[in-house]
Amino acid sequence: MMGEMMVPPWLESLLSTAFFTICPRHRDTPRNECNMYCLDCMDDAFCFYCRSSRHKDHHVIQIRRSSYHDVVRVAEIQKVLDISGVQTYVINSARVLFLNERPQPKISSSSSSSKGVSYLCEICSRSLLDPFRFCSLGCKLVGIRKKGDTSFVVGSNKKNEEEAMKQRREGITATRLASKQEGDDEELRERSPQEMYTSSASTPPHFNSRRRKGIPHRAPFAS
């Protein structure tokens, strides 16, 4: 019950809708791609002409595409959905976020650290640019179902998400410091005691090499 309160009723339908198909009602007209969704009707996607005739006074959002994946502009979705914790991107001068997870091979912690990957999605392990928790709205939805420590209700997550992001930054910094310390320790362990002794003994202590001259003495005259 608590999980249902944290998720609006139209979200799961939005995430499972197929966009960018040809509208059957306006098949012979331009701009007939079904790239819009009505939050009031919670029905299938529709095109520009359907919006004018059937959803004129409804709350409609437009879906866009990036690398064959569905995205929505932050300016549109953040009015009705708390998107905190979800990684955003700037595409064509507009800030957007992805609707669903994008398939990719999972990255192990060892390989991610070696490649410089700092942040990972908590659900699908996709690499992120910033210390966010999720790569998409779909992954945040799964996170809510599993953990219940966040919400889509506008204004309910601000303090918690700021604290979570701070902890993620601190955790990444601590991991990097630990890795550096471990690397330093390994370098020391690779040197044998003889090498360490030779290295330290081969460096003579620094002192003034000039000796102070004593009082000069003349040789006695021969008798």
Protein backbone atom coordinates (compact mmCIF):
# COMPACT_ATOMS: atom_id res chain seq x y z
CA MET A 1 0.00 0.00 0.00
CA MET A 2 2.82 2.42 0.87
CA GLY A 3 4.52 1.69 -2.44
CA GLU A 4 1.34 2.55 -4.35
CA MET A 5 1.14 5.90 -2.56
CA MET A 6 4.68 6.75 -3.71
CA VAL A 7 3.95 6.04 -7.41
CA PRO A 8 1.32 7.89 -9.51
CA PRO A 9 -1.24 5.59 -11.19
CA TRP A 10 -0.24 6.60 -14.74
CA LEU A 11 3.51 5.97 -14.46
CA GLU A 12 3.64 2.22 -15.08
CA SER A 13 1.35 2.64 -18.08
CA LEU A 14 3.61 5.37 -19.45
CA LEU A 15 6.74 3.22 -19.05
CA SER A 16 5.14 0.26 -20.84
CA THR A 17 3.69 2.27 -23.75
CA ALA A 18 5.17 1.89 -27.25
CA PHE A 19 5.89 5.27 -28.82
CA PHE A 20 6.77 6.47 -32.35
CA THR A 21 4.37 4.19 -34.18
CA ILE A 22 2.21 5.58 -36.98
CA CYS A 23 -1.15 6.87 -35.77
CA PRO A 24 -3.92 4.72 -37.31
CA ARG A 25 -6.34 7.69 -37.38
CA HIS A 26 -3.99 10.01 -39.27
CA ARG A 27 -1.98 7.62 -41.37
CA ASP A 28 -1.85 9.91 -44.42
CA THR A 29 -0.91 13.14 -42.68
CA PRO A 30 2.49 14.56 -41.65
CA ARG A 31 3.53 14.58 -37.98
CA ASN A 32 1.57 11.39 -37.43
CA GLU A 33 4.01 9.70 -35.04
CA CYS A 34 2.50 8.66 -31.72
CA ASN A 35 4.87 10.52 -29.41
CA MET A 36 2.45 11.95 -26.85
CA TYR A 37 0.87 10.57 -23.68
CA CYS A 38 -2.09 11.81 -21.66
CA LEU A 39 -1.73 11.62 -17.88
CA ASP A 40 -5.49 12.03 -17.45
CA CYS A 41 -6.64 9.28 -19.83
CA MET A 42 -3.70 6.90 -19.14
CA ASP A 43 -4.29 5.32 -22.54
CA ASP A 44 -2.14 4.56 -25.59
CA ALA A 45 0.23 7.00 -27.23
CA PHE A 46 -1.21 9.39 -29.79
CA CYS A 47 -0.10 11.96 -32.36
CA PHE A 48 -0.23 15.74 -32.72
CA TYR A 49 -3.66 15.72 -34.36
CA CYS A 50 -5.18 13.47 -31.70
CA ARG A 51 -4.05 15.90 -29.04
CA SER A 52 -5.89 18.77 -30.72
CA SER A 53 -9.12 16.82 -31.11
CA ARG A 54 -9.29 14.47 -28.11
CA HIS A 55 -6.93 15.78 -25.40
CA LYS A 56 -7.18 19.54 -25.78
CA ASP A 57 -7.64 20.35 -22.08
CA HIS A 58 -5.77 17.34 -20.66
CA HIS A 59 -2.32 17.06 -19.12
CA VAL A 60 -0.17 15.80 -21.99
CA ILE A 61 3.57 15.17 -22.15
CA GLN A 62 5.64 14.67 -25.27
CA ILE A 63 8.12 11.81 -25.60
CA ARG A 64 11.31 12.26 -27.60
CA ARG A 65 14.02 9.95 -28.86
CA SER A 66 17.74 9.74 -28.16
CA SER A 67 19.77 6.90 -29.70
CA TYR A 68 16.55 4.90 -30.22
CA HIS A 69 15.56 5.25 -26.56
CA ASP A 70 12.57 7.18 -25.20
CA VAL A 71 13.30 10.34 -23.20
CA VAL A 72 11.21 13.11 -21.71
CA ARG A 73 12.22 16.68 -20.99
CA VAL A 74 12.85 17.47 -17.35
CA ALA A 75 10.91 20.73 -17.68
CA GLU A 76 7.76 18.74 -18.52
CA ILE A 77 7.97 15.74 -16.20
CA GLN A 78 9.23 17.43 -13.03
CA LYS A 79 5.92 19.30 -12.70
CA VAL A 80 4.07 16.06 -12.00
CA LEU A 81 6.80 13.67 -10.83
CA ASP A 82 9.64 13.82 -8.33
CA ILE A 83 12.63 12.85 -10.46
CA SER A 84 15.26 13.26 -7.74
CA GLY A 85 17.85 10.50 -7.77
CA VAL A 86 17.54 9.97 -11.56
CA GLN A 87 20.46 10.85 -13.84
CA THR A 88 19.65 13.63 -16.33
CA TYR A 89 21.38 14.48 -19.62
CA VAL A 90 21.55 17.48 -21.94
CA ILE A 91 20.49 16.54 -25.48
CA ASN A 92 19.88 19.18 -28.16
CA SER A 93 20.22 21.94 -25.56
CA ALA A 94 17.43 20.46 -23.42
CA ARG A 95 17.80 18.52 -20.18
CA VAL A 96 16.12 15.11 -20.42
CA LEU A 97 15.94 11.78 -18.63
CA PHE A 98 15.35 8.26 -19.93
CA LEU A 99 12.05 6.49 -19.35
CA ASN A 100 13.45 2.97 -19.08
CA GLU A 101 16.65 1.04 -18.51
CA ARG A 102 18.97 0.77 -21.50
CA PRO A 103 20.45 -2.72 -21.87
CA GLN A 104 24.19 -3.02 -21.40
CA PRO A 105 26.66 -5.57 -20.00
CA LYS A 106 26.94 -5.31 -16.25
CA ILE A 107 30.21 -3.82 -15.03
CA SER A 108 31.99 -5.42 -12.12
CA SER A 109 33.34 -3.19 -9.37
CA SER A 110 36.95 -4.07 -10.24
CA SER A 111 36.60 -3.27 -13.94
CA SER A 112 34.58 -0.13 -13.25
CA SER A 113 37.28 1.23 -10.97
CA SER A 114 39.98 0.44 -13.52
CA LYS A 115 38.04 2.29 -16.23
CA GLY A 116 37.34 5.29 -14.03
CA VAL A 117 33.62 4.60 -13.59
CA SER A 118 32.59 6.22 -10.32
CA TYR A 119 28.81 5.97 -10.16
CA LEU A 120 26.49 3.08 -10.99
CA CYS A 121 22.72 2.71 -11.15
CA GLU A 122 21.52 0.82 -8.07
CA ILE A 123 19.21 -1.38 -10.15
CA CYS A 124 20.87 -2.15 -13.51
CA SER A 125 24.50 -1.14 -12.70
CA ARG A 126 24.67 1.21 -15.67
CA SER A 127 27.47 3.75 -15.36
CA LEU A 128 26.31 7.27 -14.47
CA LEU A 129 27.91 10.67 -14.96
CA ASP A 130 26.99 12.06 -11.55
CA PRO A 131 26.26 10.68 -8.07
CA PHE A 132 22.62 9.78 -8.81
CA ARG A 133 20.96 6.55 -7.75
CA PHE A 134 19.12 5.54 -10.93
CA CYS A 135 19.65 5.73 -14.69
CA SER A 136 15.96 6.07 -15.59
CA LEU A 137 12.43 6.43 -14.28
CA GLY A 138 11.96 2.68 -14.70
CA CYS A 139 14.92 1.89 -12.46
CA LYS A 140 13.69 4.32 -9.82
CA LEU A 141 10.31 2.58 -9.91
CA VAL A 142 12.02 -0.77 -9.27
CA GLY A 143 14.01 0.86 -6.46
CA ILE A 144 10.81 2.07 -4.82
CA ARG A 145 9.28 -1.41 -5.04
CA LYS A 146 12.37 -3.04 -3.55
CA LYS A 147 13.50 -0.55 -0.90
CA GLY A 148 10.75 2.01 -0.40
CA ASP A 149 13.31 4.67 0.60
CA THR A 150 12.33 7.15 -2.12
CA SER A 151 9.18 8.38 -3.83
CA PHE A 152 7.76 9.96 -7.00
CA VAL A 153 5.56 12.32 -4.99
CA VAL A 154 6.68 15.88 -5.75
CA GLY A 155 8.52 17.50 -2.85
CA SER A 156 8.81 14.39 -0.69
CA ASN A 157 12.42 13.43 -1.48
CA LYS A 158 14.44 16.61 -1.52
CA LYS A 159 16.12 16.26 1.87
CA ASN A 160 16.58 12.49 1.63
CA GLU A 161 18.04 12.63 -1.88
CA GLU A 162 20.46 15.41 -0.98
CA GLU A 163 21.70 13.31 1.93
CA ALA A 164 21.93 10.21 -0.28
CA MET A 165 23.94 12.05 -2.93
CA LYS A 166 26.27 13.40 -0.24
CA GLN A 167 26.83 9.90 1.10
CA ARG A 168 27.51 8.56 -2.41
CA ARG A 169 30.11 11.27 -3.00
CA GLU A 170 31.75 10.56 0.35
CA GLY A 171 31.69 6.81 -0.35
CA ILE A 172 33.35 7.26 -3.74
CA THR A 173 36.01 9.54 -2.22
CA ALA A 174 36.70 7.03 0.56
CA THR A 175 36.98 4.20 -1.96
CA ARG A 176 39.45 6.15 -4.06
CA LEU A 177 41.56 6.99 -1.02
CA ALA A 178 41.51 3.36 0.11
CA SER A 179 42.54 2.21 -3.37
CA LYS A 180 45.40 4.69 -3.42
CA GLN A 181 46.55 3.60 0.05
CA GLU A 182 46.35 -0.04 -0.97
CA GLY A 183 48.42 0.69 -4.06
CA ASP A 184 51.04 2.46 -1.95
CA ASP A 185 51.18 -0.48 0.46
CA GLU A 186 51.57 -2.92 -2.42
CA GLU A 187 54.48 -0.90 -3.77
CA LEU A 188 56.20 -1.05 -0.40
CA ARG A 189 55.58 -4.78 -0.04
CA GLU A 190 57.11 -5.46 -3.45
CA ARG A 191 60.51 -4.24 -2.25
CA SER A 192 62.52 -6.77 -0.29
CA PRO A 193 64.08 -5.88 3.09
CA GLN A 194 67.54 -6.11 1.49
CA GLU A 195 66.52 -3.61 -1.19
CA MET A 196 65.06 -1.28 1.38
CA TYR A 197 68.18 -1.54 3.52
CA THR A 198 70.51 -1.07 0.57
CA SER A 199 68.51 1.87 -0.66
CA SER A 200 68.56 3.60 2.69
CA ALA A 201 72.18 2.66 3.46
CA SER A 202 73.47 3.76 0.08
CA THR A 203 72.51 7.32 0.88
CA PRO A 204 75.18 8.68 3.20
CA PRO A 205 74.18 11.15 5.86
CA HIS A 206 74.58 14.72 4.75
CA PHE A 207 77.31 16.70 6.45
CA ASN A 208 79.81 19.40 5.53
CA SER A 209 82.54 17.76 3.52
CA ARG A 210 84.91 20.63 4.08
CA ARG A 211 87.18 20.12 7.05
CA ARG A 212 88.12 23.09 9.09
CA LYS A 213 91.75 23.93 8.67
CA GLY A 214 93.91 23.84 11.76
CA ILE A 215 96.62 26.33 12.77
CA PRO A 216 99.38 26.27 10.15
CA HIS A 217 102.87 25.31 11.31
CA ARG A 218 106.10 26.20 9.52
CA ALA A 219 108.68 23.56 8.97
CA PRO A 220 111.73 24.03 11.25
CA PHE A 221 114.81 25.59 9.64
CA ALA A 222 117.61 23.21 8.96
CA SER A 223 120.61 23.77 11.23
